[in-house]
Amino acid sequence: SFIEQSLFYNVVSIAVLKQLAMSKNISYLDNLSVPPIIAKTTNANSDKEIEELLMQLSNLRSASVGIFNKDDMVELLNSGLSTSTFTDFLRYCDEAISKLISGQVLAGNAVQNGTQALGNV
């Protein structure tokens, strides 16, 4: 019926958004889990030697490769992004799907606020 179809489309749209966020987060973590390769050399004198060294380094399966002069200083900066933002979003998606399926009930926000489903005595 029309209501079931509407519920299906609402749940699928949230589930697809959740799956997309999970895949992007996994891709982000894959890139950051492999440390970059930094080569410092004074032996590469021509562009051809630098290109050959760069190709050899890129075959070592790193997410990024850099060739620098021996005296160059390289610093690795970490992002301030925490995993709590990602897990909060996943929790939000799960709660939204749960509310769509079960409807807005008194126990709907039991995770954050406790439940008032049985009332206060």
N, C-alpha and C. Protein backbone atom coordinates (compact mmCIF):
# COMPACT_ATOMS: atom_id res chain seq x y z
N SER A 1 0.84 -1.18 0.00
CA SER A 1 0.00 0.00 0.00
C SER A 1 0.89 1.24 0.00
N PHE A 2 0.24 2.39 -0.09
CA PHE A 2 0.97 3.65 -0.17
C PHE A 2 1.76 3.93 1.11
N ILE A 3 1.19 3.62 2.28
CA ILE A 3 1.87 3.88 3.55
C ILE A 3 3.11 2.99 3.69
N GLU A 4 2.99 1.72 3.34
CA GLU A 4 4.14 0.81 3.42
C GLU A 4 5.24 1.26 2.48
N GLN A 5 4.84 1.68 1.29
CA GLN A 5 5.82 2.13 0.32
C GLN A 5 6.53 3.39 0.82
N SER A 6 5.79 4.29 1.43
CA SER A 6 6.39 5.50 1.97
C SER A 6 7.37 5.18 3.10
N LEU A 7 7.01 4.27 3.98
CA LEU A 7 7.91 3.85 5.05
C LEU A 7 9.17 3.22 4.47
N PHE A 8 8.99 2.38 3.46
CA PHE A 8 10.13 1.73 2.81
C PHE A 8 11.10 2.77 2.26
N TYR A 9 10.59 3.75 1.53
CA TYR A 9 11.46 4.76 0.94
C TYR A 9 12.17 5.61 2.00
N ASN A 10 11.48 5.91 3.08
CA ASN A 10 12.12 6.68 4.15
C ASN A 10 13.24 5.89 4.82
N VAL A 11 12.99 4.62 5.10
CA VAL A 11 14.01 3.78 5.74
C VAL A 11 15.20 3.58 4.80
N VAL A 12 14.93 3.32 3.53
CA VAL A 12 16.01 3.08 2.57
C VAL A 12 16.87 4.34 2.41
N SER A 13 16.26 5.51 2.39
CA SER A 13 17.06 6.73 2.21
C SER A 13 18.01 6.94 3.39
N ILE A 14 17.55 6.66 4.60
CA ILE A 14 18.44 6.80 5.77
C ILE A 14 19.51 5.71 5.76
N ALA A 15 19.12 4.48 5.39
CA ALA A 15 20.09 3.38 5.35
C ALA A 15 21.17 3.62 4.30
N VAL A 16 20.80 4.18 3.16
CA VAL A 16 21.78 4.48 2.11
C VAL A 16 22.73 5.58 2.58
N LEU A 17 22.19 6.58 3.25
CA LEU A 17 23.03 7.65 3.80
C LEU A 17 24.01 7.10 4.83
N LYS A 18 23.54 6.20 5.67
CA LYS A 18 24.40 5.58 6.68
C LYS A 18 25.50 4.75 6.02
N GLN A 19 25.14 3.98 5.00
CA GLN A 19 26.13 3.15 4.30
C GLN A 19 27.17 4.02 3.61
N LEU A 20 26.74 5.12 3.01
CA LEU A 20 27.67 6.03 2.34
C LEU A 20 28.65 6.64 3.35
N ALA A 21 28.14 7.04 4.51
CA ALA A 21 29.01 7.60 5.55
C ALA A 21 30.01 6.56 6.04
N MET A 22 29.56 5.32 6.20
CA MET A 22 30.47 4.26 6.65
C MET A 22 31.56 3.99 5.62
N SER A 23 31.20 3.95 4.34
CA SER A 23 32.22 3.66 3.31
C SER A 23 33.22 4.80 3.20
N LYS A 24 32.75 6.05 3.30
CA LYS A 24 33.68 7.19 3.24
C LYS A 24 34.61 7.20 4.46
N ASN A 25 34.08 6.85 5.62
CA ASN A 25 34.92 6.81 6.82
C ASN A 25 35.96 5.71 6.72
N ILE A 26 35.58 4.56 6.19
CA ILE A 26 36.54 3.46 6.01
C ILE A 26 37.63 3.86 5.02
N SER A 27 37.24 4.52 3.94
CA SER A 27 38.22 4.99 2.95
C SER A 27 39.18 6.01 3.58
N TYR A 28 38.64 6.90 4.39
CA TYR A 28 39.46 7.90 5.09
C TYR A 28 40.45 7.23 6.02
N LEU A 29 39.97 6.25 6.79
CA LEU A 29 40.86 5.55 7.73
C LEU A 29 41.90 4.70 7.00
N ASP A 30 41.53 4.13 5.84
CA ASP A 30 42.49 3.36 5.06
C ASP A 30 43.64 4.24 4.60
N ASN A 31 43.33 5.45 4.17
CA ASN A 31 44.38 6.35 3.71
C ASN A 31 45.28 6.81 4.84
N LEU A 32 44.72 6.98 6.04
CA LEU A 32 45.53 7.46 7.15
C LEU A 32 46.22 6.35 7.92
N SER A 33 45.78 5.12 7.73
CA SER A 33 46.39 4.03 8.49
C SER A 33 47.76 3.63 7.94
N VAL A 34 48.01 3.92 6.67
CA VAL A 34 49.30 3.62 6.07
C VAL A 34 50.12 4.91 6.10
N PRO A 35 51.21 4.92 6.83
CA PRO A 35 51.99 6.16 6.94
C PRO A 35 52.64 6.53 5.61
N PRO A 36 52.87 7.82 5.41
CA PRO A 36 53.51 8.24 4.15
C PRO A 36 54.97 7.83 4.13
N ILE A 37 55.49 7.68 2.93
CA ILE A 37 56.92 7.39 2.75
C ILE A 37 57.60 8.70 2.40
N ILE A 38 58.61 9.05 3.17
CA ILE A 38 59.35 10.28 2.94
C ILE A 38 60.80 9.90 2.67
N ALA A 39 61.27 10.24 1.49
CA ALA A 39 62.65 9.95 1.12
C ALA A 39 63.44 11.26 1.10
N LYS A 40 64.56 11.26 1.79
CA LYS A 40 65.46 12.42 1.79
C LYS A 40 66.77 11.97 1.15
N THR A 41 67.10 12.62 0.06
CA THR A 41 68.28 12.19 -0.68
C THR A 41 69.03 13.38 -1.26
N THR A 42 70.30 13.19 -1.44
CA THR A 42 71.12 14.17 -2.16
C THR A 42 71.70 13.54 -3.41
N ASN A 43 71.37 12.26 -3.64
CA ASN A 43 71.95 11.53 -4.78
C ASN A 43 71.19 11.74 -6.08
N ALA A 44 69.93 12.17 -6.02
CA ALA A 44 69.16 12.36 -7.25
C ALA A 44 69.50 13.72 -7.83
N ASN A 45 70.17 13.69 -8.97
CA ASN A 45 70.65 14.93 -9.57
C ASN A 45 69.82 15.39 -10.75
N SER A 46 69.06 14.50 -11.34
CA SER A 46 68.28 14.89 -12.51
C SER A 46 66.80 14.56 -12.28
N ASP A 47 65.96 15.14 -13.12
CA ASP A 47 64.52 14.88 -13.03
C ASP A 47 64.21 13.41 -13.30
N LYS A 48 64.99 12.79 -14.18
CA LYS A 48 64.76 11.37 -14.50
C LYS A 48 65.04 10.49 -13.28
N GLU A 49 66.11 10.78 -12.56
CA GLU A 49 66.43 10.00 -11.35
C GLU A 49 65.35 10.19 -10.28
N ILE A 50 64.85 11.40 -10.15
CA ILE A 50 63.79 11.67 -9.17
C ILE A 50 62.51 10.93 -9.55
N GLU A 51 62.17 10.92 -10.83
CA GLU A 51 60.97 10.20 -11.29
C GLU A 51 61.11 8.70 -11.06
N GLU A 52 62.29 8.14 -11.31
CA GLU A 52 62.51 6.71 -11.07
C GLU A 52 62.39 6.38 -9.58
N LEU A 53 62.97 7.22 -8.74
CA LEU A 53 62.87 7.02 -7.30
C LEU A 53 61.42 7.13 -6.83
N LEU A 54 60.69 8.07 -7.38
CA LEU A 54 59.29 8.25 -7.03
C LEU A 54 58.46 7.03 -7.43
N MET A 55 58.73 6.47 -8.59
CA MET A 55 58.01 5.26 -9.03
C MET A 55 58.34 4.07 -8.13
N GLN A 56 59.61 3.92 -7.76
CA GLN A 56 59.99 2.82 -6.87
C GLN A 56 59.33 2.97 -5.50
N LEU A 57 59.28 4.18 -4.98
CA LEU A 57 58.66 4.41 -3.68
C LEU A 57 57.15 4.20 -3.72
N SER A 58 56.52 4.58 -4.82
CA SER A 58 55.06 4.41 -4.92
C SER A 58 54.68 2.93 -5.00
N ASN A 59 55.59 2.07 -5.41
CA ASN A 59 55.32 0.63 -5.45
C ASN A 59 55.39 -0.02 -4.07
N LEU A 60 55.78 0.73 -3.05
CA LEU A 60 55.87 0.19 -1.70
C LEU A 60 54.53 0.23 -0.96
N ARG A 61 53.45 0.53 -1.66
CA ARG A 61 52.07 0.51 -1.13
C ARG A 61 51.86 1.48 0.02
N SER A 62 52.20 2.69 -0.20
CA SER A 62 51.90 3.73 0.78
C SER A 62 50.79 4.61 0.22
N ALA A 63 50.07 5.29 1.10
CA ALA A 63 49.00 6.18 0.65
C ALA A 63 49.58 7.44 0.00
N SER A 64 50.79 7.80 0.39
CA SER A 64 51.42 8.99 -0.19
C SER A 64 52.94 8.85 -0.15
N VAL A 65 53.58 9.51 -1.10
CA VAL A 65 55.03 9.42 -1.24
C VAL A 65 55.56 10.83 -1.45
N GLY A 66 56.69 11.13 -0.85
CA GLY A 66 57.32 12.43 -1.06
C GLY A 66 58.82 12.30 -1.13
N ILE A 67 59.43 13.09 -2.00
CA ILE A 67 60.89 13.13 -2.13
C ILE A 67 61.33 14.55 -1.78
N PHE A 68 62.23 14.63 -0.81
CA PHE A 68 62.66 15.93 -0.33
C PHE A 68 64.18 15.98 -0.28
N ASN A 69 64.69 17.18 -0.20
CA ASN A 69 66.12 17.37 -0.03
C ASN A 69 66.50 16.95 1.38
N LYS A 70 67.76 16.60 1.57
CA LYS A 70 68.22 16.09 2.86
C LYS A 70 67.99 17.09 3.99
N ASP A 71 68.09 18.37 3.71
CA ASP A 71 67.95 19.40 4.74
C ASP A 71 66.51 19.87 4.95
N ASP A 72 65.58 19.39 4.14
CA ASP A 72 64.17 19.81 4.29
C ASP A 72 63.57 19.21 5.55
N MET A 73 62.67 19.97 6.15
CA MET A 73 61.98 19.50 7.35
C MET A 73 60.52 19.20 6.98
N VAL A 74 60.04 18.03 7.38
CA VAL A 74 58.68 17.61 7.08
C VAL A 74 57.97 17.30 8.39
N GLU A 75 56.77 17.87 8.56
CA GLU A 75 55.97 17.60 9.75
C GLU A 75 54.66 16.97 9.33
N LEU A 76 54.23 15.99 10.09
CA LEU A 76 52.95 15.35 9.83
C LEU A 76 51.92 15.94 10.79
N LEU A 77 50.88 16.54 10.23
CA LEU A 77 49.83 17.16 11.04
C LEU A 77 48.65 16.21 11.14
N ASN A 78 48.14 16.03 12.34
CA ASN A 78 46.97 15.18 12.55
C ASN A 78 45.72 16.04 12.58
N SER A 79 44.63 15.51 12.02
CA SER A 79 43.37 16.25 12.06
C SER A 79 42.77 16.14 13.44
N GLY A 80 41.95 17.10 13.80
CA GLY A 80 41.30 17.11 15.10
C GLY A 80 40.00 16.33 15.11
N LEU A 81 39.70 15.62 14.04
CA LEU A 81 38.45 14.88 13.94
C LEU A 81 38.48 13.67 14.86
N SER A 82 37.45 13.55 15.67
CA SER A 82 37.37 12.41 16.57
C SER A 82 36.36 11.40 16.02
N THR A 83 36.44 10.19 16.53
CA THR A 83 35.51 9.16 16.06
C THR A 83 34.13 9.33 16.66
N SER A 84 34.00 10.16 17.70
CA SER A 84 32.68 10.34 18.32
C SER A 84 31.70 11.00 17.36
N THR A 85 32.17 11.88 16.49
CA THR A 85 31.29 12.51 15.50
C THR A 85 30.71 11.45 14.58
N PHE A 86 31.54 10.55 14.12
CA PHE A 86 31.08 9.49 13.22
C PHE A 86 30.12 8.54 13.93
N THR A 87 30.46 8.10 15.13
CA THR A 87 29.59 7.16 15.84
C THR A 87 28.28 7.82 16.26
N ASP A 88 28.31 9.11 16.58
CA ASP A 88 27.06 9.82 16.88
C ASP A 88 26.14 9.86 15.66
N PHE A 89 26.73 10.05 14.48
CA PHE A 89 25.92 10.06 13.27
C PHE A 89 25.30 8.69 13.00
N LEU A 90 26.08 7.63 13.19
CA LEU A 90 25.54 6.28 13.00
C LEU A 90 24.42 5.99 14.00
N ARG A 91 24.60 6.41 15.22
CA ARG A 91 23.56 6.23 16.25
C ARG A 91 22.30 7.01 15.87
N TYR A 92 22.48 8.22 15.35
CA TYR A 92 21.34 9.02 14.92
C TYR A 92 20.57 8.32 13.80
N CYS A 93 21.30 7.76 12.82
CA CYS A 93 20.65 7.03 11.73
C CYS A 93 19.88 5.83 12.26
N ASP A 94 20.48 5.07 13.17
CA ASP A 94 19.80 3.91 13.74
C ASP A 94 18.53 4.31 14.48
N GLU A 95 18.60 5.39 15.25
CA GLU A 95 17.42 5.84 15.99
C GLU A 95 16.34 6.36 15.06
N ALA A 96 16.74 7.04 13.97
CA ALA A 96 15.76 7.53 13.01
C ALA A 96 15.04 6.37 12.32
N ILE A 97 15.77 5.33 11.96
CA ILE A 97 15.15 4.15 11.34
C ILE A 97 14.22 3.47 12.33
N SER A 98 14.65 3.36 13.57
CA SER A 98 13.82 2.74 14.61
C SER A 98 12.52 3.51 14.82
N LYS A 99 12.61 4.83 14.83
CA LYS A 99 11.41 5.65 15.00
C LYS A 99 10.48 5.54 13.80
N LEU A 100 11.04 5.43 12.60
CA LEU A 100 10.20 5.28 11.42
C LEU A 100 9.44 3.97 11.45
N ILE A 101 10.11 2.91 11.88
CA ILE A 101 9.48 1.59 11.88
C ILE A 101 8.48 1.45 13.01
N SER A 102 8.87 1.84 14.22
CA SER A 102 8.00 1.62 15.37
C SER A 102 7.06 2.78 15.64
N GLY A 103 7.28 3.91 15.03
CA GLY A 103 6.46 5.08 15.29
C GLY A 103 7.00 5.85 16.47
N GLN A 104 6.53 7.06 16.64
CA GLN A 104 6.98 7.89 17.76
C GLN A 104 6.26 7.43 19.02
N VAL A 105 6.98 6.76 19.90
CA VAL A 105 6.39 6.24 21.13
C VAL A 105 7.11 6.83 22.32
N LEU A 106 6.57 6.60 23.50
CA LEU A 106 7.19 7.14 24.71
C LEU A 106 8.58 6.57 24.94
N ALA A 107 8.82 5.35 24.50
CA ALA A 107 10.13 4.71 24.70
C ALA A 107 11.11 5.07 23.59
N GLY A 108 10.73 5.95 22.67
CA GLY A 108 11.56 6.27 21.51
C GLY A 108 12.90 6.88 21.84
N ASN A 109 12.97 7.69 22.89
CA ASN A 109 14.23 8.33 23.25
C ASN A 109 14.82 7.74 24.51
N ALA A 110 14.59 6.46 24.74
CA ALA A 110 15.06 5.82 25.96
C ALA A 110 16.57 5.79 26.06
N VAL A 111 17.25 5.84 24.92
CA VAL A 111 18.72 5.79 24.93
C VAL A 111 19.29 7.02 25.63
N GLN A 112 18.75 8.20 25.34
CA GLN A 112 19.31 9.43 25.90
C GLN A 112 18.63 9.84 27.21
N ASN A 113 17.31 9.77 27.24
CA ASN A 113 16.57 10.39 28.34
C ASN A 113 15.96 9.40 29.32
N GLY A 114 16.15 8.14 29.12
CA GLY A 114 15.43 7.16 29.92
C GLY A 114 14.02 7.01 29.36
N THR A 115 13.29 6.03 29.80
CA THR A 115 11.96 5.80 29.26
C THR A 115 10.88 6.18 30.25
N GLN A 116 9.82 6.75 29.72
CA GLN A 116 8.63 7.09 30.51
C GLN A 116 7.46 6.22 30.06
N ALA A 117 7.75 5.10 29.40
CA ALA A 117 6.70 4.26 28.84
C ALA A 117 5.77 3.71 29.92
N LEU A 118 6.29 3.43 31.09
CA LEU A 118 5.46 2.90 32.17
C LEU A 118 4.91 4.02 33.05
N GLY A 119 5.34 5.24 32.85
CA GLY A 119 4.84 6.36 33.62
C GLY A 119 5.54 6.48 34.96
N ASN A 120 5.29 7.55 35.62
CA ASN A 120 5.85 7.78 36.95
C ASN A 120 4.83 7.36 38.00
N VAL A 121 5.26 6.64 39.00
CA VAL A 121 4.35 6.17 40.06
C VAL A 121 4.64 6.93 41.33
